[in-house]
């Protein structure tokens, strides 16, 4: 992993090795000892003894993920990363202290890539933050709406503004991220192109805002996860959420029994997502009547409203462990009760 001329962490060939990580780390501020190790709930959003946390996000400066990182950690130093994988690696290699990455959007659904990366890496969810996405139509100074022939942005952003862009009558061009679109039209001083991005991107890249809130649906909320190398210490006196992933044997009623461990203890589930296993996705069974059958082998990602400090939650997971072929707690963390 290395940093390019814009200060964005980019992925090197393959995973970062320890030596490379140490060489880059040496050029950064040293992390104080008290930032490492299990954290209390107060450590989730506060800097440690005046130390300014370095928080990784995916995208360029001006991305919505940067704004989410600032909401999660108001006094942080936000560190842009080229890819989701780069942000995970940056935390693991101690180049940054935390990462804030999207996991689901109210319109676009789940970001499956980050679920895959949660399994591949040994990071812990220590919090969540909801962020309301407000798309703006940006252009260079002096450019009017009627001058626009094309608009650049991330595919999801373009889709979320479809009605507005159709009325303007522009060609839509997909790029890697919203802030990258804003930077591209600013750098090339394009007079016939606009970008769908944030108001922060307009400020950073010196663009005019032609229209505010151009999204078709005003309720466009993205939920982000706050990740760290160490878990936080769960408590029972605050509203908590716990995220887990598990797999089950194939058979009738198996998933019903697995979910019943929560219903029997009056634990509310807020999310359930199934995902085929990436490695050895097919399970082969020998059925006496139909011969050898092939099934997809699934992982189930579940969020539930309880703290791992609660005996009720501990008993539920103990019960689930008896049924599951695999079970991992991804994190137990404070619920985001704030307005998006």
Protein backbone atom coordinates (compact mmCIF):
# COMPACT_ATOMS: atom_id res chain seq x y z
CA UNK A 1 0.00 0.00 0.00
CA UNK A 2 1.27 3.46 -0.86
CA UNK A 3 0.11 7.06 -0.97
CA UNK A 4 -0.26 8.84 -4.33
CA UNK A 5 0.34 12.53 -5.03
CA UNK A 6 -3.16 13.42 -3.77
CA UNK A 7 -2.51 11.72 -0.42
CA UNK A 8 -4.90 8.86 -1.23
CA UNK A 9 -3.88 5.38 -0.03
CA UNK A 10 -3.79 3.08 -3.06
CA UNK A 11 -3.48 -0.69 -3.15
CA UNK A 12 -0.17 -2.24 -4.12
CA UNK A 13 0.12 -5.62 -5.85
CA UNK A 14 -1.36 -8.09 -3.40
CA UNK A 15 -1.78 -7.54 0.33
CA UNK A 16 0.58 -5.11 2.06
CA UNK A 17 3.51 -6.85 3.70
CA UNK A 18 4.63 -6.03 7.20
CA UNK A 19 7.84 -4.27 6.15
CA UNK A 20 6.06 -1.94 3.74
CA UNK A 21 3.47 -1.12 6.34
CA UNK A 22 6.13 -0.31 8.91
CA UNK A 23 8.04 1.91 6.48
CA UNK A 24 4.92 3.95 5.72
CA UNK A 25 3.88 4.00 9.37
CA UNK A 26 7.22 5.53 10.31
CA UNK A 27 6.30 8.66 8.36
CA UNK A 28 3.06 9.11 10.28
CA UNK A 29 2.35 10.30 13.80
CA UNK A 30 2.82 7.50 16.29
CA UNK A 31 -0.38 6.08 17.74
CA UNK A 32 -0.40 6.56 21.53
CA UNK A 33 -0.53 3.32 23.52
CA UNK A 34 -4.00 4.04 24.94
CA UNK A 35 -5.58 4.01 21.46
CA UNK A 36 -4.83 0.29 21.19
CA UNK A 37 -6.63 -2.46 23.13
CA UNK A 38 -10.33 -2.93 23.96
CA UNK A 39 -12.23 0.35 24.09
CA UNK A 40 -14.95 1.70 26.31
CA UNK A 41 -18.15 3.11 24.80
CA UNK A 42 -16.81 6.66 25.25
CA UNK A 43 -13.86 5.80 22.99
CA UNK A 44 -16.13 5.10 20.00
CA UNK A 45 -16.49 8.73 18.92
CA UNK A 46 -13.93 10.62 21.02
CA UNK A 47 -10.23 11.14 20.45
CA UNK A 48 -7.93 9.61 23.03
CA UNK A 49 -6.39 12.20 25.36
CA UNK A 50 -6.27 14.88 22.68
CA UNK A 51 -4.81 12.56 20.04
CA UNK A 52 -6.46 13.19 16.67
CA UNK A 53 -7.73 9.89 15.30
CA UNK A 54 -6.86 8.99 11.72
CA UNK A 55 -9.97 7.57 10.06
CA UNK A 56 -9.92 5.84 6.67
CA UNK A 57 -12.74 6.15 4.15
CA UNK A 58 -13.13 5.03 0.54
CA UNK A 59 -13.03 7.67 -2.18
CA UNK A 60 -11.52 11.07 -2.83
CA UNK A 61 -11.85 14.16 -0.61
CA UNK A 62 -15.43 15.39 -0.90
CA UNK A 63 -16.93 11.88 -1.01
CA UNK A 64 -20.03 11.19 1.08
CA UNK A 65 -17.93 8.68 3.02
CA UNK A 66 -15.68 11.53 4.16
CA UNK A 67 -18.72 13.37 5.53
CA UNK A 68 -19.84 10.18 7.31
CA UNK A 69 -16.36 9.82 8.84
CA UNK A 70 -16.58 13.41 10.08
CA UNK A 71 -20.01 12.71 11.60
CA UNK A 72 -18.72 9.59 13.33
CA UNK A 73 -15.49 11.25 14.52
CA UNK A 74 -15.93 15.06 14.44
CA UNK A 75 -12.29 15.84 15.30
CA UNK A 76 -10.65 13.17 13.15
CA UNK A 77 -8.12 13.38 10.36
CA UNK A 78 -9.99 11.77 7.47
CA UNK A 79 -7.71 9.62 5.27
CA UNK A 80 -8.91 8.86 1.71
CA UNK A 81 -8.38 5.34 0.33
CA UNK A 82 -8.67 4.15 -3.25
CA UNK A 83 -10.63 0.95 -2.49
CA UNK A 84 -12.64 -0.60 0.33
CA UNK A 85 -9.86 -3.20 0.63
CA UNK A 86 -7.30 -0.42 1.03
CA UNK A 87 -9.22 1.01 3.99
CA UNK A 88 -9.38 -2.41 5.69
CA UNK A 89 -5.64 -2.91 5.12
CA UNK A 90 -4.84 0.57 6.44
CA UNK A 91 -6.52 -0.22 9.77
CA UNK A 92 -4.96 -3.67 10.06
CA UNK A 93 -1.47 -2.34 9.26
CA UNK A 94 -1.84 0.50 11.82
CA UNK A 95 -1.62 3.20 9.17
CA UNK A 96 -4.88 4.58 10.55
CA UNK A 97 -6.85 4.07 13.76
CA UNK A 98 -10.36 3.49 12.39
CA UNK A 99 -12.31 3.08 9.17
CA UNK A 100 -15.82 4.28 8.34
CA UNK A 101 -17.30 2.30 5.43
CA UNK A 102 -20.81 1.94 3.97
CA UNK A 103 -22.74 -1.28 4.52
CA UNK A 104 -26.23 -0.51 3.17
CA UNK A 105 -28.26 2.21 1.48
CA UNK A 106 -32.01 2.71 1.73
CA UNK A 107 -32.33 2.85 -2.08
CA UNK A 108 -29.40 0.80 -3.38
CA UNK A 109 -29.45 -1.98 -0.77
CA UNK A 110 -26.50 -3.83 0.75
CA UNK A 111 -22.86 -3.21 -0.17
CA UNK A 112 -21.96 -6.90 -0.34
CA UNK A 113 -18.27 -6.26 -0.92
CA UNK A 114 -17.86 -4.94 2.62
CA UNK A 115 -19.56 -8.00 4.12
CA UNK A 116 -17.02 -10.14 2.23
CA UNK A 117 -14.18 -8.00 3.56
CA UNK A 118 -15.47 -8.22 7.15
CA UNK A 119 -15.06 -11.99 6.88
CA UNK A 120 -11.63 -11.80 5.28
CA UNK A 121 -10.17 -9.32 7.78
CA UNK A 122 -9.93 -9.40 11.54
CA UNK A 123 -11.51 -6.03 12.31
CA UNK A 124 -14.35 -5.31 14.73
CA UNK A 125 -17.49 -3.21 14.31
CA UNK A 126 -17.42 -0.66 17.13
CA UNK A 127 -20.21 1.65 15.98
CA UNK A 128 -22.56 2.74 13.23
CA UNK A 129 -23.56 6.07 11.73
CA UNK A 130 -26.45 6.94 9.42
CA UNK A 131 -25.89 9.67 6.84
CA UNK A 132 -28.49 11.39 4.64
CA UNK A 133 -27.22 11.64 1.07
CA UNK A 134 -28.04 14.96 -0.61
CA UNK A 135 -27.00 15.04 -4.25
CA UNK A 136 -26.06 18.30 -5.98
CA UNK A 137 -25.58 19.09 -9.66
CA UNK A 138 -22.13 20.69 -10.02
CA UNK A 139 -20.39 22.45 -12.89
CA UNK A 140 -17.49 24.81 -13.55
CA UNK A 141 -17.96 28.52 -12.98
CA UNK A 142 -20.07 30.16 -15.67
CA UNK A 143 -21.57 26.91 -16.95
CA UNK A 144 -25.39 26.84 -17.01
CA UNK A 145 -27.75 23.85 -17.01
CA UNK A 146 -28.57 24.43 -20.65
CA UNK A 147 -24.86 24.09 -21.53
CA UNK A 148 -24.66 20.56 -20.15
CA UNK A 149 -24.50 17.65 -22.57
CA UNK A 150 -23.34 14.99 -20.10
CA UNK A 151 -23.22 14.39 -16.36
CA UNK A 152 -20.66 12.21 -14.59
CA UNK A 153 -21.03 10.39 -11.28
CA UNK A 154 -21.09 7.03 -9.51
CA UNK A 155 -23.67 4.65 -11.08
CA UNK A 156 -25.84 4.64 -7.94
CA UNK A 157 -25.83 8.44 -7.73
CA UNK A 158 -26.88 8.68 -11.38
CA UNK A 159 -29.67 6.16 -10.81
CA UNK A 160 -30.87 8.05 -7.73
CA UNK A 161 -31.18 11.27 -9.77
CA UNK A 162 -32.66 9.69 -12.89
CA UNK A 163 -35.81 11.83 -13.10
CA UNK A 164 -33.95 15.12 -12.66
CA UNK A 165 -31.27 14.23 -15.20
CA UNK A 166 -33.88 13.01 -17.70
CA UNK A 167 -35.63 16.41 -17.53
CA UNK A 168 -32.35 18.19 -18.29
CA UNK A 169 -31.75 15.79 -21.20
CA UNK A 170 -28.12 14.89 -20.57
CA UNK A 171 -26.08 11.77 -21.27
CA UNK A 172 -25.11 9.99 -18.05
CA UNK A 173 -21.54 8.71 -17.70
CA UNK A 174 -20.58 6.39 -14.84
CA UNK A 175 -17.28 6.82 -12.97
CA UNK A 176 -15.81 5.28 -9.80
CA UNK A 177 -17.12 7.80 -7.26
CA UNK A 178 -18.97 11.09 -6.91
CA UNK A 179 -16.01 13.14 -5.70
CA UNK A 180 -13.89 11.72 -8.54
CA UNK A 181 -16.48 13.01 -11.02
CA UNK A 182 -16.31 16.49 -9.48
CA UNK A 183 -12.52 16.47 -9.55
CA UNK A 184 -12.46 15.31 -13.19
CA UNK A 185 -14.65 18.09 -14.56
CA UNK A 186 -12.79 20.68 -12.46
CA UNK A 187 -9.31 19.48 -13.49
CA UNK A 188 -10.22 19.39 -17.19
CA UNK A 189 -12.24 22.64 -16.97
CA UNK A 190 -15.09 21.02 -18.91
CA UNK A 191 -17.73 23.44 -20.16
CA UNK A 192 -20.27 20.89 -21.39
CA UNK A 193 -20.21 18.45 -18.46
CA UNK A 194 -21.50 18.44 -14.91
CA UNK A 195 -21.17 16.10 -11.94
CA UNK A 196 -23.54 14.68 -9.35
CA UNK A 197 -21.72 14.99 -6.03
CA UNK A 198 -21.85 16.59 -2.59
CA UNK A 199 -21.78 20.26 -1.67
CA UNK A 200 -18.45 19.51 0.06
CA UNK A 201 -17.03 18.34 -3.29
CA UNK A 202 -18.16 21.63 -4.85
CA UNK A 203 -16.28 23.54 -2.15
CA UNK A 204 -13.11 21.43 -2.44
CA UNK A 205 -12.85 21.52 -6.24
CA UNK A 206 -14.10 25.08 -6.78
CA UNK A 207 -17.31 24.17 -8.62
CA UNK A 208 -20.67 25.95 -8.75
CA UNK A 209 -23.80 24.25 -7.42
CA UNK A 210 -26.42 24.44 -10.17
CA UNK A 211 -29.09 22.54 -8.20
CA UNK A 212 -29.42 21.23 -4.64
CA UNK A 213 -31.18 18.01 -3.55
CA UNK A 214 -31.64 16.57 -7.03
CA UNK A 215 -32.22 12.99 -5.79
CA UNK A 216 -35.57 11.51 -6.83
CA UNK A 217 -36.29 10.17 -3.34
CA UNK A 218 -35.66 12.55 -0.40
CA UNK A 219 -35.22 9.59 1.99
CA UNK A 220 -31.80 8.48 0.79
CA UNK A 221 -29.92 7.18 3.83
CA UNK A 222 -26.64 5.27 3.94
CA UNK A 223 -25.62 3.30 7.00
CA UNK A 224 -21.88 3.20 7.70
CA UNK A 225 -19.92 0.91 10.02
CA UNK A 226 -17.11 2.14 12.27
CA UNK A 227 -14.26 -0.40 12.30
CA UNK A 228 -11.26 -0.85 14.59
CA UNK A 229 -8.56 -3.40 15.36
CA UNK A 230 -9.98 -4.06 18.83
CA UNK A 231 -13.60 -4.44 19.99
CA UNK A 232 -15.27 -2.16 22.48
CA UNK A 233 -16.39 -3.32 25.91
CA UNK A 234 -20.17 -3.85 25.66
CA UNK A 235 -22.50 -2.45 28.30
CA UNK A 236 -26.16 -3.00 29.15
CA UNK A 237 -27.19 0.52 30.20
CA UNK A 238 -27.14 1.91 26.63
CA UNK A 239 -28.99 0.79 23.46
CA UNK A 240 -26.68 -1.70 21.73
CA UNK A 241 -26.72 -3.68 18.52
CA UNK A 242 -24.79 -6.87 17.78
CA UNK A 243 -23.80 -8.11 14.31
CA UNK A 244 -23.06 -11.80 13.68
CA UNK A 245 -22.50 -14.16 10.75
CA UNK A 246 -23.22 -17.89 10.77
CA UNK A 247 -23.82 -20.90 8.52
CA UNK A 248 -26.09 -23.89 8.95
CA UNK A 249 -26.48 -27.47 7.80
CA UNK A 250 -28.89 -28.04 4.90
CA UNK A 251 -32.35 -29.27 5.90
CA UNK A 252 -35.99 -28.34 6.45
CA UNK A 253 -36.65 -25.91 9.30
CA UNK A 254 -32.96 -25.34 10.10
CA UNK A 255 -33.08 -21.56 9.55
CA UNK A 256 -36.37 -21.37 11.46
CA UNK A 257 -34.73 -23.05 14.45
CA UNK A 258 -31.72 -20.72 14.23
CA UNK A 259 -33.87 -17.58 14.25
CA UNK A 260 -36.08 -18.98 17.00
CA UNK A 261 -33.20 -18.67 19.49
CA UNK A 262 -33.76 -14.90 19.32
CA UNK A 263 -37.58 -14.97 19.28
CA UNK A 264 -37.67 -17.24 22.35
CA UNK A 265 -35.71 -14.59 24.26
CA UNK A 266 -37.66 -11.60 22.89
CA UNK A 267 -34.59 -10.26 21.02
CA UNK A 268 -35.49 -8.08 18.04
CA UNK A 269 -33.72 -8.73 14.71
CA UNK A 270 -33.09 -5.56 12.65
CA UNK A 271 -31.43 -7.16 9.61
CA UNK A 272 -30.95 -10.58 8.03
CA UNK A 273 -28.99 -11.11 4.82
CA UNK A 274 -28.03 -14.36 3.12
CA UNK A 275 -24.92 -14.62 0.98
CA UNK A 276 -23.48 -17.68 -0.82
CA UNK A 277 -20.07 -18.70 0.47
CA UNK A 278 -17.29 -17.46 -1.80
CA UNK A 279 -15.12 -20.51 -1.14
CA UNK A 280 -16.65 -23.94 -1.83
CA UNK A 281 -20.10 -22.44 -2.51
CA UNK A 282 -21.74 -25.76 -3.43
CA UNK A 283 -22.74 -28.43 -0.94
CA UNK A 284 -23.32 -31.93 -2.32
CA UNK A 285 -25.70 -34.30 -0.55
CA UNK A 286 -26.61 -37.88 -1.35
CA UNK A 287 -30.38 -38.23 -1.63
CA UNK A 288 -31.51 -41.83 -1.92
CA UNK A 289 -34.37 -40.95 -4.28
CA UNK A 290 -32.92 -38.21 -6.44
CA UNK A 291 -29.24 -39.10 -6.31
CA UNK A 292 -26.56 -36.52 -5.56
CA UNK A 293 -27.98 -33.00 -5.07
CA UNK A 294 -26.06 -29.74 -5.16
CA UNK A 295 -27.06 -26.81 -2.94
CA UNK A 296 -25.61 -23.37 -2.48
CA UNK A 297 -23.95 -23.11 0.92
CA UNK A 298 -25.04 -19.83 2.53
CA UNK A 299 -23.76 -17.45 5.16
CA UNK A 300 -26.36 -15.52 7.17
CA UNK A 301 -25.58 -12.02 8.40
CA UNK A 302 -27.82 -10.92 11.26
CA UNK A 303 -28.09 -7.73 13.33
CA UNK A 304 -30.03 -7.84 16.59
CA UNK A 305 -30.87 -5.30 19.29
CA UNK A 306 -28.96 -6.51 22.33
CA UNK A 307 -25.54 -6.11 23.92
CA UNK A 308 -23.13 -9.00 24.25
CA UNK A 309 -22.90 -8.00 27.91
CA UNK A 310 -26.51 -9.19 28.28
CA UNK A 311 -26.96 -12.76 29.58
CA UNK A 312 -29.98 -12.98 27.29
CA UNK A 313 -27.82 -12.36 24.20
CA UNK A 314 -25.10 -14.70 25.46
CA UNK A 315 -27.64 -17.49 25.96
CA UNK A 316 -29.10 -16.90 22.49
CA UNK A 317 -25.69 -17.21 20.85
CA UNK A 318 -24.86 -20.24 22.98
CA UNK A 319 -28.04 -21.85 21.69
CA UNK A 320 -27.27 -20.80 18.10
CA UNK A 321 -23.78 -22.28 18.37
CA UNK A 322 -25.35 -25.71 18.93
CA UNK A 323 -27.11 -25.40 15.55
CA UNK A 324 -24.50 -23.56 13.48
CA UNK A 325 -21.57 -25.00 11.57
CA UNK A 326 -19.86 -21.60 11.81
CA UNK A 327 -20.52 -18.56 14.02
CA UNK A 328 -18.64 -15.28 14.39
CA UNK A 329 -19.50 -12.09 16.25
CA UNK A 330 -18.56 -9.15 14.02
CA UNK A 331 -19.17 -6.57 16.73
CA UNK A 332 -21.37 -5.42 19.60
CA UNK A 333 -21.70 -1.64 19.55
CA UNK A 334 -23.90 1.37 20.41
CA UNK A 335 -26.87 1.90 18.10
CA UNK A 336 -26.96 5.19 16.19
CA UNK A 337 -30.01 6.94 17.68
CA UNK A 338 -29.31 10.30 15.99
CA UNK A 339 -31.03 11.85 13.01
CA UNK A 340 -29.46 10.98 9.66
